[in-house]
Structures are given as structure tokens and as C-alpha cells.
C-alpha atoms as a PDB file:
ATOM      1  CA  MET A   1     107.715  78.233 110.519  1.00  0.00           C
ATOM      2  CA  ASP A   2     104.695  80.379 110.893  1.00  0.00           C
ATOM      3  CA  PRO A   3     103.421  79.894 107.359  1.00  0.00           C
ATOM      4  CA  ILE A   4     103.169  83.913 107.342  1.00  0.00           C
ATOM      5  CA  LEU A   5     106.469  84.353 107.389  1.00  0.00           C
ATOM      6  CA  ALA A   6     107.080  81.687 105.362  1.00  0.00           C
ATOM      7  CA  LEU A   7     105.314  83.327 102.708  1.00  0.00           C
ATOM      8  CA  PHE A   8     107.127  86.541 103.064  1.00  0.00           C
ATOM      9  CA  ALA A   9     110.364  84.783 102.950  1.00  0.00           C
ATOM     10  CA  ALA A  10     109.638  83.517  99.623  1.00  0.00           C
ATOM     11  CA  VAL A  11     108.455  85.766  98.381  1.00  0.00           C
ATOM     12  CA  ASP A  12     111.970  88.647  99.033  1.00  0.00           C
ATOM     13  CA  ARG A  13     114.075  84.909  98.652  1.00  0.00           C
ATOM     14  CA  GLY A  14     111.803  85.361  94.426  1.00  0.00           C
ATOM     15  CA  ASP A  15     110.925  81.544  94.859  1.00  0.00           C
ATOM     16  CA  LEU A  16     107.705  81.721  92.932  1.00  0.00           C
ATOM     17  CA  ALA A  17     107.371  77.024  93.993  1.00  0.00           C
ATOM     18  CA  GLY A  18     107.634  77.950  97.391  1.00  0.00           C
ATOM     19  CA  ALA A  19     105.602  80.517  98.205  1.00  0.00           C
ATOM     20  CA  SER A  20     102.470  78.598  95.638  1.00  0.00           C
ATOM     21  CA  ALA A  21     102.950  75.066  97.462  1.00  0.00           C
ATOM     22  CA  LEU A  22     102.384  77.149 100.837  1.00  0.00           C
ATOM     23  CA  LEU A  23      99.256  78.669  99.564  1.00  0.00           C
ATOM     24  CA  ALA A  24      97.489  75.525  97.550  1.00  0.00           C
ATOM     25  CA  VAL A  25      98.145  73.916 101.412  1.00  0.00           C
ATOM     26  CA  THR A  26      97.582  77.608 104.014  1.00  0.00           C
ATOM     27  CA  PRO A  27      95.675  79.720 101.109  1.00  0.00           C
ATOM     28  CA  GLY A  28      94.752  82.213 104.074  1.00  0.00           C
ATOM     29  CA  ALA A  29      98.222  83.987 104.184  1.00  0.00           C
ATOM     30  CA  VAL A  30      98.729  85.972 101.028  1.00  0.00           C
ATOM     31  CA  HIS A  31      96.748  88.529 103.110  1.00  0.00           C
ATOM     32  CA  GLY A  32      98.849  88.033 106.284  1.00  0.00           C
ATOM     33  CA  ARG A  33     100.631  91.070 107.676  1.00  0.00           C
ATOM     34  CA  PHE A  34     104.207  91.465 108.992  1.00  0.00           C
ATOM     35  CA  HIS A  35     105.104  94.750 110.430  1.00  0.00           C
ATOM     36  CA  GLY A  36     102.012  95.811 108.676  1.00  0.00           C
ATOM     37  CA  ALA A  37     102.201  94.905 105.297  1.00  0.00           C
ATOM     38  CA  THR A  38     101.362  92.458 103.017  1.00  0.00           C
ATOM     39  CA  ALA A  39     103.173  90.321 101.050  1.00  0.00           C
ATOM     40  CA  LEU A  40     101.737  91.285  97.404  1.00  0.00           C
ATOM     41  CA  HIS A  41     103.352  94.472  99.421  1.00  0.00           C
ATOM     42  CA  ARG A  42     106.737  92.899  98.960  1.00  0.00           C
ATOM     43  CA  ALA A  43     106.833  92.088  96.038  1.00  0.00           C
ATOM     44  CA  ALA A  44     105.570  95.147  94.212  1.00  0.00           C
ATOM     45  CA  ALA A  45     108.619  96.978  95.574  1.00  0.00           C
ATOM     46  CA  ARG A  46     110.879  94.077  95.106  1.00  0.00           C
ATOM     47  CA  GLY A  47     109.033  94.445  91.225  1.00  0.00           C
ATOM     48  CA  ASP A  48     108.988  90.829  90.883  1.00  0.00           C
ATOM     49  CA  THR A  49     106.142  90.625  88.360  1.00  0.00           C
ATOM     50  CA  ALA A  50     105.577  87.116  88.296  1.00  0.00           C
ATOM     51  CA  MET A  51     105.681  86.718  92.419  1.00  0.00           C
ATOM     52  CA  LEU A  52     102.748  89.204  92.013  1.00  0.00           C
ATOM     53  CA  GLU A  53     100.316  87.085  89.189  1.00  0.00           C
ATOM     54  CA  VAL A  54     100.947  84.316  91.489  1.00  0.00           C
ATOM     55  CA  LEU A  55      99.609  86.209  95.141  1.00  0.00           C
ATOM     56  CA  LEU A  56      97.114  87.831  92.896  1.00  0.00           C
ATOM     57  CA  GLU A  57      96.003  84.439  91.277  1.00  0.00           C
ATOM     58  CA  ARG A  58      95.963  83.568  95.481  1.00  0.00           C
ATOM     59  CA  GLY A  59      93.706  85.532  96.107  1.00  0.00           C
ATOM     60  CA  ALA A  60      95.980  89.238  97.459  1.00  0.00           C
ATOM     61  CA  LEU A  61      93.426  92.396  97.194  1.00  0.00           C
ATOM     62  CA  LEU A  62      94.375  95.036  94.905  1.00  0.00           C
ATOM     63  CA  ASP A  63      94.427  97.927  97.178  1.00  0.00           C
ATOM     64  CA  GLU A  64      94.234  96.537 100.310  1.00  0.00           C
ATOM     65  CA  PRO A  65      96.259  99.570 102.287  1.00  0.00           C
ATOM     66  CA  ASP A  66      99.728  99.000 104.556  1.00  0.00           C
ATOM     67  CA  GLU A  67      99.737 100.070 108.611  1.00  0.00           C
ATOM     68  CA  THR A  68     100.605 103.687 106.956  1.00  0.00           C
ATOM     69  CA  GLY A  69      96.926 103.600 104.480  1.00  0.00           C
ATOM     70  CA  ALA A  70      99.785 103.061 101.418  1.00  0.00           C
ATOM     71  CA  THR A  71      98.770 100.540  98.639  1.00  0.00           C
ATOM     72  CA  ALA A  72     100.969  98.688  96.994  1.00  0.00           C
ATOM     73  CA  LEU A  73     100.837 100.311  93.563  1.00  0.00           C
ATOM     74  CA  SER A  74     102.350 103.027  95.777  1.00  0.00           C
ATOM     75  CA  TRP A  75     105.460 100.657  97.221  1.00  0.00           C
ATOM     76  CA  ALA A  76     106.007  99.713  93.464  1.00  0.00           C
ATOM     77  CA  SER A  77     105.590 103.260  92.367  1.00  0.00           C
ATOM     78  CA  ASP A  78     108.238 104.690  95.181  1.00  0.00           C
ATOM     79  CA  GLU A  79     110.176 102.267  94.516  1.00  0.00           C
ATOM     80  CA  ASP A  80     110.241 103.090  90.755  1.00  0.00           C
ATOM     81  CA  ARG A  81     109.602  99.764  89.612  1.00  0.00           C
ATOM     82  CA  ASP A  82     107.678 100.585  86.807  1.00  0.00           C
ATOM     83  CA  ALA A  83     107.072  97.319  85.894  1.00  0.00           C
ATOM     84  CA  ALA A  84     105.169  96.078  88.100  1.00  0.00           C
ATOM     85  CA  VAL A  85     103.024  99.426  88.517  1.00  0.00           C
ATOM     86  CA  ASP A  86     101.638  98.917  85.022  1.00  0.00           C
ATOM     87  CA  LEU A  87     101.045  94.841  85.717  1.00  0.00           C
ATOM     88  CA  LEU A  88      98.595  96.453  89.480  1.00  0.00           C
ATOM     89  CA  LEU A  89      97.496  98.506  87.223  1.00  0.00           C
ATOM     90  CA  ALA A  90      96.504  96.923  84.795  1.00  0.00           C
ATOM     91  CA  HIS A  91      94.948  93.960  86.870  1.00  0.00           C
ATOM     92  CA  GLY A  92      92.590  97.377  87.809  1.00  0.00           C
ATOM     93  CA  ALA A  93      94.353  98.521  90.942  1.00  0.00           C
ATOM     94  CA  ARG A  94      93.138 102.261  91.704  1.00  0.00           C
ATOM     95  CA  PRO A  95      95.827 104.618  91.536  1.00  0.00           C
ATOM     96  CA  SER A  96      96.372 107.512  93.926  1.00  0.00           C
ATOM     97  CA  LEU A  97      97.466 111.053  93.043  1.00  0.00           C
ATOM     98  CA  VAL A  98     100.993 110.329  93.989  1.00  0.00           C
ATOM     99  CA  ASP A  99     100.801 107.386  91.894  1.00  0.00           C
ATOM    100  CA  LEU A 100      99.845 109.073  88.347  1.00  0.00           C
ATOM    101  CA  ALA A 101     102.187 111.748  89.219  1.00  0.00           C
ATOM    102  CA  ALA A 102     104.836 109.421  89.436  1.00  0.00           C
ATOM    103  CA  ARG A 103     103.961 108.205  86.037  1.00  0.00           C
ATOM    104  CA  GLY A 104     103.913 111.225  85.094  1.00  0.00           C
ATOM    105  CA  LEU A 105     100.185 111.015  84.029  1.00  0.00           C
ATOM    106  CA  ALA A 106      98.530 114.513  83.792  1.00  0.00           C
ATOM    107  CA  LEU A 107      94.979 114.526  82.486  1.00  0.00           C
ATOM    108  CA  PRO A 108      94.012 111.310  84.493  1.00  0.00           C
ATOM    109  CA  LEU A 109      95.749 113.710  87.815  1.00  0.00           C
ATOM    110  CA  GLU A 110      94.139 116.539  86.603  1.00  0.00           C
ATOM    111  CA  GLN A 111      90.930 114.352  86.667  1.00  0.00           C
ATOM    112  CA  ALA A 112      92.040 113.316  89.942  1.00  0.00           C
ATOM    113  CA  LEU A 113      91.827 116.961  91.038  1.00  0.00           C
ATOM    114  CA  ASP A 114      88.986 117.692  90.019  1.00  0.00           C
ATOM    115  CA  ALA A 115      87.334 115.116  91.680  1.00  0.00           C
ATOM    116  CA  GLU A 116      89.013 115.407  95.244  1.00  0.00           C
ATOM    117  CA  PRO A 117      90.910 118.468  95.218  1.00  0.00           C
ATOM    118  CA  GLU A 118      91.652 118.283  99.212  1.00  0.00           C
ATOM    119  CA  LEU A 119      93.642 115.379  98.420  1.00  0.00           C
ATOM    120  CA  ILE A 120      96.124 117.447  96.368  1.00  0.00           C
ATOM    121  CA  ASP A 121      98.626 117.409  99.698  1.00  0.00           C
ATOM    122  CA  GLN A 122      97.557 114.167 100.928  1.00  0.00           C
ATOM    123  CA  GLU A 123     101.216 113.140 102.742  1.00  0.00           C
ATOM    124  CA  THR A 124     101.959 109.335 102.679  1.00  0.00           C
ATOM    125  CA  ALA A 125     105.577 107.904 103.342  1.00  0.00           C
ATOM    126  CA  GLN A 126     106.538 109.223 100.213  1.00  0.00           C
ATOM    127  CA  GLY A 127     105.629 112.753 100.274  1.00  0.00           C
ATOM    128  CA  THR A 128     103.157 114.578  98.592  1.00  0.00           C
ATOM    129  CA  ALA A 129     101.878 114.112  94.865  1.00  0.00           C
ATOM    130  CA  LEU A 130     104.292 117.079  94.165  1.00  0.00           C
ATOM    131  CA  HIS A 131     107.617 115.301  96.205  1.00  0.00           C
ATOM    132  CA  ALA A 132     106.597 112.182  93.061  1.00  0.00           C
ATOM    133  CA  ALA A 133     106.440 114.260  90.546  1.00  0.00           C
ATOM    134  CA  VAL A 134     110.163 116.299  91.233  1.00  0.00           C
ATOM    135  CA  ARG A 135     111.105 113.009  91.989  1.00  0.00           C
ATOM    136  CA  ARG A 136     110.522 110.662  88.798  1.00  0.00           C
ATOM    137  CA  GLY A 137     111.413 114.256  86.451  1.00  0.00           C
ATOM    138  CA  ARG A 138     108.046 115.046  85.614  1.00  0.00           C
ATOM    139  CA  ALA A 139     107.444 118.426  85.033  1.00  0.00           C
ATOM    140  CA  GLY A 140     104.075 118.375  83.600  1.00  0.00           C
ATOM    141  CA  CYS A 141     102.869 117.301  86.375  1.00  0.00           C
ATOM    142  CA  VAL A 142     105.017 119.842  88.943  1.00  0.00           C
ATOM    143  CA  ARG A 143     103.827 122.555  86.845  1.00  0.00           C
ATOM    144  CA  LEU A 144      99.851 121.534  87.163  1.00  0.00           C
ATOM    145  CA  LEU A 145     100.503 120.498  90.628  1.00  0.00           C
ATOM    146  CA  LEU A 146     101.921 123.721  91.488  1.00  0.00           C
ATOM    147  CA  ALA A 147      99.047 125.679  89.484  1.00  0.00           C
ATOM    148  CA  ARG A 148      96.242 123.917  91.316  1.00  0.00           C
ATOM    149  CA  GLY A 149      97.734 124.868  94.646  1.00  0.00           C
ATOM    150  CA  ALA A 150      99.916 121.793  96.067  1.00  0.00           C
ATOM    151  CA  ASP A 151     102.059 123.315  98.904  1.00  0.00           C
ATOM    152  CA  PRO A 152     106.055 123.190  98.190  1.00  0.00           C
ATOM    153  CA  ARG A 153     107.360 123.630 101.982  1.00  0.00           C
ATOM    154  CA  LEU A 154     106.328 120.050 103.048  1.00  0.00           C
ATOM    155  CA  ARG A 155     108.612 117.646 103.533  1.00  0.00           C
ATOM    156  CA  ASP A 156     108.483 114.365 102.146  1.00  0.00           C
ATOM    157  CA  ASP A 157     110.041 110.861 104.947  1.00  0.00           C
ATOM    158  CA  GLN A 158     113.339 112.407 105.071  1.00  0.00           C
ATOM    159  CA  GLY A 159     112.598 115.785 105.392  1.00  0.00           C
ATOM    160  CA  ARG A 160     113.179 117.114 102.199  1.00  0.00           C
ATOM    161  CA  THR A 161     110.877 120.245 100.373  1.00  0.00           C
ATOM    162  CA  PRO A 162     109.759 119.196  96.897  1.00  0.00           C
ATOM    163  CA  ALA A 163     112.789 122.001  96.080  1.00  0.00           C
ATOM    164  CA  GLU A 164     115.669 120.448  98.379  1.00  0.00           C
ATOM    165  CA  LEU A 165     114.971 117.396  96.418  1.00  0.00           C
ATOM    166  CA  ALA A 166     114.781 118.784  92.529  1.00  0.00           C
ATOM    167  CA  ARG A 167     117.897 120.129  93.678  1.00  0.00           C
ATOM    168  CA  HIS A 168     119.161 116.712  95.027  1.00  0.00           C
ATOM    169  CA  THR A 169     118.399 114.694  92.211  1.00  0.00           C
ATOM    170  CA  HIS A 170     119.820 117.724  90.195  1.00  0.00           C
ATOM    171  CA  GLN A 171     117.068 119.549  88.230  1.00  0.00           C
ATOM    172  CA  PRO A 172     117.110 123.301  87.524  1.00  0.00           C
ATOM    173  CA  GLU A 173     114.017 123.155  85.615  1.00  0.00           C
ATOM    174  CA  LEU A 174     112.164 121.936  88.121  1.00  0.00           C
ATOM    175  CA  CYS A 175     114.057 124.341  91.376  1.00  0.00           C
ATOM    176  CA  ALA A 176     112.510 126.993  88.541  1.00  0.00           C
ATOM    177  CA  LEU A 177     109.171 125.933  88.969  1.00  0.00           C
ATOM    178  CA  ILE A 178     108.789 125.297  92.022  1.00  0.00           C
ATOM    179  CA  GLU A 179     110.810 129.131  93.495  1.00  0.00           C
ATOM    180  CA  ALA A 180     108.608 130.168  90.994  1.00  0.00           C
ATOM    181  CA  ALA A 181     106.170 128.870  92.948  1.00  0.00           C
ATOM    182  CA  LEU A 182     107.535 129.983  96.380  1.00  0.00           C
ATOM    183  CA  ALA A 183     108.166 133.431  95.281  1.00  0.00           C
ATOM    184  CA  ARG A 184     104.075 134.222  94.897  1.00  0.00           C
ATOM    185  CA  ASP A 185     103.670 133.045  98.716  1.00  0.00           C
ATOM    186  CA  ALA A 186     106.290 133.782 100.148  1.00  0.00           C
ATOM    187  CA  SER A 187     104.363 134.998 102.933  1.00  0.00           C
ATOM    188  CA  VAL A 188     103.852 131.575 104.191  1.00  0.00           C
ATOM    189  CA  ILE A 189     105.979 130.230 107.133  1.00  0.00           C
ATOM    190  CA  GLU A 190     108.274 126.806 106.582  1.00  0.00           C
ATOM    191  CA  PRO A 191     106.802 124.561 109.040  1.00  0.00           C
ATOM    192  CA  ALA A 192     110.186 123.359 111.894  1.00  0.00           C
ATOM    193  CA  VAL A 193     111.178 119.915 110.409  1.00  0.00           C
ATOM    194  CA  PRO A 194     109.709 117.098 112.886  1.00  0.00           C
ATOM    195  CA  GLU A 195     112.139 115.617 115.658  1.00  0.00           C
ATOM    196  CA  ARG A 196     112.482 111.804 114.374  1.00  0.00           C
ATOM    197  CA  GLU A 197     111.532 109.530 117.603  1.00  0.00           C
ATOM    198  CA  SER A 198     113.220 106.597 117.832  1.00  0.00           C
ATOM    199  CA  ALA A 199     111.211 102.616 117.035  1.00  0.00           C
ATOM    200  CA  THR A 200     112.720  99.306 117.490  1.00  0.00           C
ATOM    201  CA  ASP A 201     111.690  96.926 115.020  1.00  0.00           C
ATOM    202  CA  SER A 202     111.726  93.095 115.604  1.00  0.00           C
ATOM    203  CA  ILE A 203     113.471  91.051 112.884  1.00  0.00           C
ATOM    204  CA  HIS A 204     114.012  87.544 111.917  1.00  0.00           C
ATOM    205  CA  TYR A 205     116.836  85.922 110.152  1.00  0.00           C
ATOM    206  CA  SER A 206     117.196  82.203 108.469  1.00  0.00           C
ATOM    207  CA  CYS A 207     120.401  81.628 110.895  1.00  0.00           C
ATOM    208  CA  ALA A 208     123.052  80.066 108.121  1.00  0.00           C
ATOM    209  CA  ALA A 209     124.346  77.205 110.451  1.00  0.00           C
ATOM    210  CA  CYS A 210     120.890  76.108 111.234  1.00  0.00           C
ATOM    211  CA  ALA A 211     118.483  77.237 108.958  1.00  0.00           C
ATOM    212  CA  GLU A 212     116.823  78.290 112.643  1.00  0.00           C
ATOM    213  CA  GLN A 213     113.892  81.134 112.517  1.00  0.00           C
ATOM    214  CA  ILE A 214     115.795  84.112 115.050  1.00  0.00           C
ATOM    215  CA  VAL A 215     113.678  87.128 116.065  1.00  0.00           C
ATOM    216  CA  ILE A 216     116.046  89.816 117.545  1.00  0.00           C
ATOM    217  CA  ASP A 217     114.806  93.399 117.794  1.00  0.00           C
ATOM    218  CA  VAL A 218     117.061  96.372 115.771  1.00  0.00           C
ATOM    219  CA  ASP A 219     116.489 100.321 116.264  1.00  0.00           C
ATOM    220  CA  ARG A 220     115.867 102.259 112.659  1.00  0.00           C
ATOM    221  CA  THR A 221     117.138 104.781 113.386  1.00  0.00           C
ATOM    222  CA  GLU A 222     120.798 103.542 113.604  1.00  0.00           C
ATOM    223  CA  GLY A 223     120.583 103.026 109.780  1.00  0.00           C
ATOM    224  CA  GLU A 224     118.752 102.476 106.908  1.00  0.00           C
ATOM    225  CA  GLN A 225     121.451  99.477 106.030  1.00  0.00           C
ATOM    226  CA  GLN A 226     122.651  98.425 109.366  1.00  0.00           C
ATOM    227  CA  ARG A 227     125.512  95.131 109.563  1.00  0.00           C
ATOM    228  CA  PHE A 228     126.358  93.143 112.738  1.00  0.00           C
ATOM    229  CA  VAL A 229     127.469  89.517 114.425  1.00  0.00           C
ATOM    230  CA  GLU A 230     124.641  87.552 116.317  1.00  0.00           C
ATOM    231  CA  ASP A 231     125.862  83.867 117.539  1.00  0.00           C
ATOM    232  CA  CYS A 232     122.376  82.376 116.970  1.00  0.00           C
ATOM    233  CA  PRO A 233     120.402  81.554 120.695  1.00  0.00           C
ATOM    234  CA  ILE A 234     120.374  77.886 119.429  1.00  0.00           C
ATOM    235  CA  CYS A 235     123.657  76.267 117.715  1.00  0.00           C
ATOM    236  CA  CYS A 236     125.829  79.183 119.070  1.00  0.00           C
ATOM    237  CA  ARG A 237     127.253  80.013 115.037  1.00  0.00           C
ATOM    238  CA  ALA A 238     127.869  83.733 114.564  1.00  0.00           C
ATOM    239  CA  ASN A 239     126.191  84.931 111.600  1.00  0.00           C
ATOM    240  CA  VAL A 240     126.999  87.698 109.795  1.00  0.00           C
ATOM    241  CA  ILE A 241     123.766  89.813 109.770  1.00  0.00           C
ATOM    242  CA  ASP A 242     122.417  92.379 107.008  1.00  0.00           C
ATOM    243  CA  VAL A 243     119.768  94.809 107.268  1.00  0.00           C
ATOM    244  CA  HIS A 244     117.817  96.704 105.037  1.00  0.00           C
ATOM    245  CA  PHE A 245     114.891  99.353 105.667  1.00  0.00           C
ATOM    246  CA  GLU A 246     112.571  99.988 103.355  1.00  0.00           C
ATOM    247  CA  ARG A 247     110.080 103.106 103.352  1.00  0.00           C
ATOM    248  CA  GLY A 248     110.916 103.512 106.731  1.00  0.00           C
ATOM    249  CA  HIS A 249     109.400  99.918 108.051  1.00  0.00           C
ATOM    250  CA  PHE A 250     110.058  97.305 105.147  1.00  0.00           C
ATOM    251  CA  ILE A 251     112.883  95.430 106.158  1.00  0.00           C
ATOM    252  CA  ARG A 252     114.902  92.947 104.351  1.00  0.00           C
ATOM    253  CA  VAL A 253     116.826  90.679 106.443  1.00  0.00           C
ATOM    254  CA  SER A 254     119.781  88.042 105.412  1.00  0.00           C
ATOM    255  CA  ALA A 255     122.329  86.062 107.287  1.00  0.00           C
ATOM    256  CA  GLU A 256     126.078  84.239 106.544  1.00  0.00           C
ATOM    257  CA  LEU A 257     128.040  82.591 109.016  1.00  0.00           C
ATOM    258  CA  GLU A 258     131.164  84.999 110.000  1.00  0.00           C
END
């Protein structure tokens, strides 16, 4: 099995011993990529602090971006993995505006805006810093971002504005703050929601009967969670495949016999 795929499989299982043994033999696998991200991104999204320690000890780069420019810290922040965020920060990870807003760190956020005000509306896979602050209920950061001119009309990866996100998460105080900001600047035309494009991803699963690694294609526009039956091309046994898309491209796959 390809050592990079084997490492990702170990990370997904939380197999510390397997990951350590593999990296002892093939240390370069720690820098390998699958669907544009590294094993450190995957461990961060899972909130697996023990695995993060193993990967960092073996040379994983803290601030290595994925294909969208997001770091492992951003992945941990997006998935609300606070312990993983704390660990990565303790190791010296550089937080983005989105990371700071999600954690409710108003003073560092203000200092970051002073240094690079042009990044206030920088978009990530999960939206802007304003989206992150709303998603985590960080009222102080919401006020700060709106006061600094954050655009409340921008949409996240699910097509929601910060106000729509606040309503969806039942946060009337944040709704009121955003609606007040919109009322102060009602002349800006709200952008249309971009049309989503079809996208096919190649995934691999381990046959539950013969353990062979099988690669198949799935269309992520069919839903974030998909379940279907696939016959193994090696042993012909039927596998029930569960696929879960995270952050638009991160995929978790499992298989069991039908």
C-alpha cells in the first residue's frame, strides 16, 4: 500500500502505533498529500491531539496550507476542536483572522486587523472572519469586525450570509448587530449566490472481506453523506460504503460487508 495512503488511513483510525511505525520507515510520508491536504490537517479536523503530537514530532509543518490555503489550525478551528487548536497554538502555529475570530480572541484580532486591515473579508472554505465569529457566538468579535467594516453580505461555503447563519443558530443578539450594520449601509447590492459546479472525487476504501485497497469515484454534489453498495473488483464481495465529505473536499470513508 502506498505509504501516504497508509498514513492517512492510520490517522483516520486514530492508530498512533501504526502511524509512528510507518513514519519510522518512511519519514517523508508526513509531508504527503491526499485531496490537497496533509495528515496534519486530517488529525487536526479529528481533534486527535495525540496524533498531532506524533506528526509534529516526525516533522509535519505547522503552517503548511492545504489546496485552499487553510492550515491545520484552521481545520481544527472550523471543526470546533478546541483542544487541537490550543495544542497547535502552543507549538507556534500562526492564527489567521478566521482562527482568532472563532476563538473569540478580540485583542489579538484587533492587533491583526491593525497590521493587515485588507484581510478583514478574506474568504476561506468556511467563509470570512465574521462568519467564524457568528458561528461560535463571539459577540465581541462580531462587534469589532462590523465596526472595522467587515462585509455582512458575503456568503460562506453553504451560501449563507452572517445574518442567515445567526438566525440558523438562534442567536438574536448577533442578528440584531448584523441587521443594524446592514441598515447603515443599505446601498450595497447583495451578490448573487454562485452556482455550484459538479465535482467528482476519487476515494479509496479497504474491502471488508479481502482488505484490498479499492479506488472509486464519487460525486460530492450528491450530498455530504452518501451510502451505497459496491462490489469489490478483487473478491467480488459486496461492501456497504459510507462516505462523509467535510469542508467541501476532506473525505472520510468506511466499508463493511453487506
